[in-house]
Amino acid sequence: MAATWERLGGDTGGTVAGLAATGRSWVFAATPVGVYRSTDGGRSWTLPGVNSSVPFAEVVLPSPHFEQDRTLFVCGGDALYRSTDGGDTWQPVLAGSRMLSVVASSAEVVLAGS
């Protein structure tokens, strides 16, 4: 069975370090510029917020309850960040070093590693 690929987001170029999708049509891309968001399954992308993205983002993780709480976690170059509004604004929650991984359980437990 042959697989086929289709470019959905246009010809914008750039490096994507991590991708994450929610149960519906939201998709997030961690990039050196920040966290891009698509609300139409990857057909179009925006860098939400004004000067509020996470630079050097490497990993992005929607919470297990994203559809209800709009919470995201992102590993950045200097901290683990959290957004509670779908990526419009970000707050550092674990600062001091580069974060390389993050996982969440359905019991609201978040683990991060540097």
C-alpha atoms as a PDB file:
ATOM      1  CA  MET A   1       0.000   0.000   0.000  1.00  0.00           C
ATOM      2  CA  ALA A   2       1.571   3.306  -1.076  1.00  0.00           C
ATOM      3  CA  ALA A   3       1.313   6.343   1.187  1.00  0.00           C
ATOM      4  CA  THR A   4       0.776   9.824  -0.177  1.00  0.00           C
ATOM      5  CA  TRP A   5       1.475  13.234   1.374  1.00  0.00           C
ATOM      6  CA  GLU A   6      -0.277  16.520   0.810  1.00  0.00           C
ATOM      7  CA  ARG A   7       1.125  19.961   1.730  1.00  0.00           C
ATOM      8  CA  LEU A   8      -1.625  21.719   3.684  1.00  0.00           C
ATOM      9  CA  GLY A   9      -0.074  24.838   5.205  1.00  0.00           C
ATOM     10  CA  GLY A  10       1.247  26.637   2.133  1.00  0.00           C
ATOM     11  CA  ASP A  11       4.848  27.227   1.187  1.00  0.00           C
ATOM     12  CA  THR A  12       6.034  29.022   4.326  1.00  0.00           C
ATOM     13  CA  GLY A  13       9.174  26.989   5.093  1.00  0.00           C
ATOM     14  CA  GLY A  14      10.910  26.844   8.469  1.00  0.00           C
ATOM     15  CA  THR A  15      11.851  24.264  11.048  1.00  0.00           C
ATOM     16  CA  VAL A  16       9.269  22.370  13.076  1.00  0.00           C
ATOM     17  CA  ALA A  17      10.648  20.682  16.190  1.00  0.00           C
ATOM     18  CA  GLY A  18       7.389  19.190  17.435  1.00  0.00           C
ATOM     19  CA  LEU A  19       3.752  18.695  16.462  1.00  0.00           C
ATOM     20  CA  ALA A  20       0.672  17.967  18.542  1.00  0.00           C
ATOM     21  CA  ALA A  21      -3.001  17.626  17.735  1.00  0.00           C
ATOM     22  CA  THR A  22      -6.137  17.676  19.829  1.00  0.00           C
ATOM     23  CA  GLY A  23      -9.072  15.361  19.428  1.00  0.00           C
ATOM     24  CA  ARG A  24     -10.694  17.774  16.991  1.00  0.00           C
ATOM     25  CA  SER A  25      -9.098  19.971  14.331  1.00  0.00           C
ATOM     26  CA  TRP A  26      -6.589  21.963  16.436  1.00  0.00           C
ATOM     27  CA  VAL A  27      -2.905  21.353  15.590  1.00  0.00           C
ATOM     28  CA  PHE A  28       0.143  22.999  17.191  1.00  0.00           C
ATOM     29  CA  ALA A  29       3.699  23.268  15.837  1.00  0.00           C
ATOM     30  CA  ALA A  30       6.712  24.038  18.039  1.00  0.00           C
ATOM     31  CA  THR A  31       9.265  26.120  16.099  1.00  0.00           C
ATOM     32  CA  PRO A  32      12.278  28.339  16.860  1.00  0.00           C
ATOM     33  CA  VAL A  33      10.012  31.378  16.327  1.00  0.00           C
ATOM     34  CA  GLY A  34       7.264  30.169  18.665  1.00  0.00           C
ATOM     35  CA  VAL A  35       4.194  27.960  18.756  1.00  0.00           C
ATOM     36  CA  TYR A  36       2.040  28.083  15.632  1.00  0.00           C
ATOM     37  CA  ARG A  37      -1.625  27.127  15.804  1.00  0.00           C
ATOM     38  CA  SER A  38      -4.030  25.713  13.237  1.00  0.00           C
ATOM     39  CA  THR A  39      -7.735  25.434  13.993  1.00  0.00           C
ATOM     40  CA  ASP A  40      -8.601  23.818  10.659  1.00  0.00           C
ATOM     41  CA  GLY A  41      -6.571  20.628  10.745  1.00  0.00           C
ATOM     42  CA  GLY A  42      -3.348  22.154   9.363  1.00  0.00           C
ATOM     43  CA  ARG A  43      -4.732  23.957   6.321  1.00  0.00           C
ATOM     44  CA  SER A  44      -3.777  27.399   7.696  1.00  0.00           C
ATOM     45  CA  TRP A  45      -1.436  28.499  10.500  1.00  0.00           C
ATOM     46  CA  THR A  46      -1.074  31.545  12.772  1.00  0.00           C
ATOM     47  CA  LEU A  47       1.372  32.627  15.436  1.00  0.00           C
ATOM     48  CA  PRO A  48      -1.199  33.578  18.096  1.00  0.00           C
ATOM     49  CA  GLY A  49      -0.847  36.447  20.552  1.00  0.00           C
ATOM     50  CA  VAL A  50       1.238  39.575  20.278  1.00  0.00           C
ATOM     51  CA  ASN A  51       4.889  39.110  21.340  1.00  0.00           C
ATOM     52  CA  SER A  52       3.759  36.344  23.643  1.00  0.00           C
ATOM     53  CA  SER A  53       4.963  33.138  22.050  1.00  0.00           C
ATOM     54  CA  VAL A  54       7.621  30.774  23.380  1.00  0.00           C
ATOM     55  CA  PRO A  55      10.929  31.233  21.531  1.00  0.00           C
ATOM     56  CA  PHE A  56      12.927  28.129  20.660  1.00  0.00           C
ATOM     57  CA  ALA A  57       9.952  25.849  21.357  1.00  0.00           C
ATOM     58  CA  GLU A  58      10.829  22.192  20.916  1.00  0.00           C
ATOM     59  CA  VAL A  59       7.924  20.178  22.319  1.00  0.00           C
ATOM     60  CA  VAL A  60       4.227  21.077  22.506  1.00  0.00           C
ATOM     61  CA  LEU A  61       1.609  19.132  24.458  1.00  0.00           C
ATOM     62  CA  PRO A  62      -2.122  19.844  24.751  1.00  0.00           C
ATOM     63  CA  SER A  63      -3.568  18.842  28.113  1.00  0.00           C
ATOM     64  CA  PRO A  64      -5.641  15.650  28.150  1.00  0.00           C
ATOM     65  CA  HIS A  65      -8.671  17.925  28.683  1.00  0.00           C
ATOM     66  CA  PHE A  66      -7.762  20.551  26.072  1.00  0.00           C
ATOM     67  CA  GLU A  67     -11.303  20.742  24.660  1.00  0.00           C
ATOM     68  CA  GLN A  68     -12.517  21.958  28.069  1.00  0.00           C
ATOM     69  CA  ASP A  69      -9.556  23.886  29.524  1.00  0.00           C
ATOM     70  CA  ARG A  70      -7.562  25.077  26.426  1.00  0.00           C
ATOM     71  CA  THR A  71      -4.311  24.309  28.308  1.00  0.00           C
ATOM     72  CA  LEU A  72      -1.023  23.688  26.477  1.00  0.00           C
ATOM     73  CA  PHE A  73       2.488  22.969  27.702  1.00  0.00           C
ATOM     74  CA  VAL A  74       5.613  23.840  25.721  1.00  0.00           C
ATOM     75  CA  CYS A  75       9.253  23.018  26.314  1.00  0.00           C
ATOM     76  CA  GLY A  76      11.282  26.109  25.522  1.00  0.00           C
ATOM     77  CA  GLY A  77      14.935  27.016  25.516  1.00  0.00           C
ATOM     78  CA  ASP A  78      14.806  28.275  29.103  1.00  0.00           C
ATOM     79  CA  ALA A  79      11.668  26.870  30.765  1.00  0.00           C
ATOM     80  CA  LEU A  80       8.496  24.827  30.636  1.00  0.00           C
ATOM     81  CA  TYR A  81       5.634  27.147  29.682  1.00  0.00           C
ATOM     82  CA  ARG A  82       1.871  26.855  30.102  1.00  0.00           C
ATOM     83  CA  SER A  83      -0.959  28.521  28.219  1.00  0.00           C
ATOM     84  CA  THR A  84      -4.527  28.355  29.498  1.00  0.00           C
ATOM     85  CA  ASP A  85      -6.052  30.122  26.484  1.00  0.00           C
ATOM     86  CA  GLY A  86      -5.082  27.912  23.546  1.00  0.00           C
ATOM     87  CA  GLY A  87      -1.688  29.540  22.988  1.00  0.00           C
ATOM     88  CA  ASP A  88      -2.595  33.241  23.045  1.00  0.00           C
ATOM     89  CA  THR A  89      -0.512  33.922  26.171  1.00  0.00           C
ATOM     90  CA  TRP A  90       2.233  31.949  27.950  1.00  0.00           C
ATOM     91  CA  GLN A  91       3.565  31.784  31.517  1.00  0.00           C
ATOM     92  CA  PRO A  92       6.794  30.055  32.583  1.00  0.00           C
ATOM     93  CA  VAL A  93       5.990  27.357  35.149  1.00  0.00           C
ATOM     94  CA  LEU A  94       9.365  25.657  35.525  1.00  0.00           C
ATOM     95  CA  ALA A  95      12.234  28.010  34.691  1.00  0.00           C
ATOM     96  CA  GLY A  96      15.984  27.772  34.809  1.00  0.00           C
ATOM     97  CA  SER A  97      16.998  25.302  32.144  1.00  0.00           C
ATOM     98  CA  ARG A  98      16.112  23.926  28.747  1.00  0.00           C
ATOM     99  CA  MET A  99      13.211  21.488  28.839  1.00  0.00           C
ATOM    100  CA  LEU A 100      13.360  18.519  26.481  1.00  0.00           C
ATOM    101  CA  SER A 101      10.239  16.508  27.246  1.00  0.00           C
ATOM    102  CA  VAL A 102       6.823  16.790  28.831  1.00  0.00           C
ATOM    103  CA  VAL A 103       4.013  14.278  29.358  1.00  0.00           C
ATOM    104  CA  ALA A 104       0.604  14.599  31.002  1.00  0.00           C
ATOM    105  CA  SER A 105      -1.776  12.040  32.412  1.00  0.00           C
ATOM    106  CA  SER A 106      -5.539  12.166  32.511  1.00  0.00           C
ATOM    107  CA  ALA A 107      -5.217  12.707  36.271  1.00  0.00           C
ATOM    108  CA  GLU A 108      -3.778  16.234  35.704  1.00  0.00           C
ATOM    109  CA  VAL A 109      -0.192  15.169  36.501  1.00  0.00           C
ATOM    110  CA  VAL A 110       2.467  16.860  34.329  1.00  0.00           C
ATOM    111  CA  LEU A 111       6.064  15.623  34.210  1.00  0.00           C
ATOM    112  CA  ALA A 112       8.871  17.578  32.533  1.00  0.00           C
ATOM    113  CA  GLY A 113      12.490  16.668  31.920  1.00  0.00           C
ATOM    114  CA  SER A 114      15.549  18.679  31.056  1.00  0.00           C
END
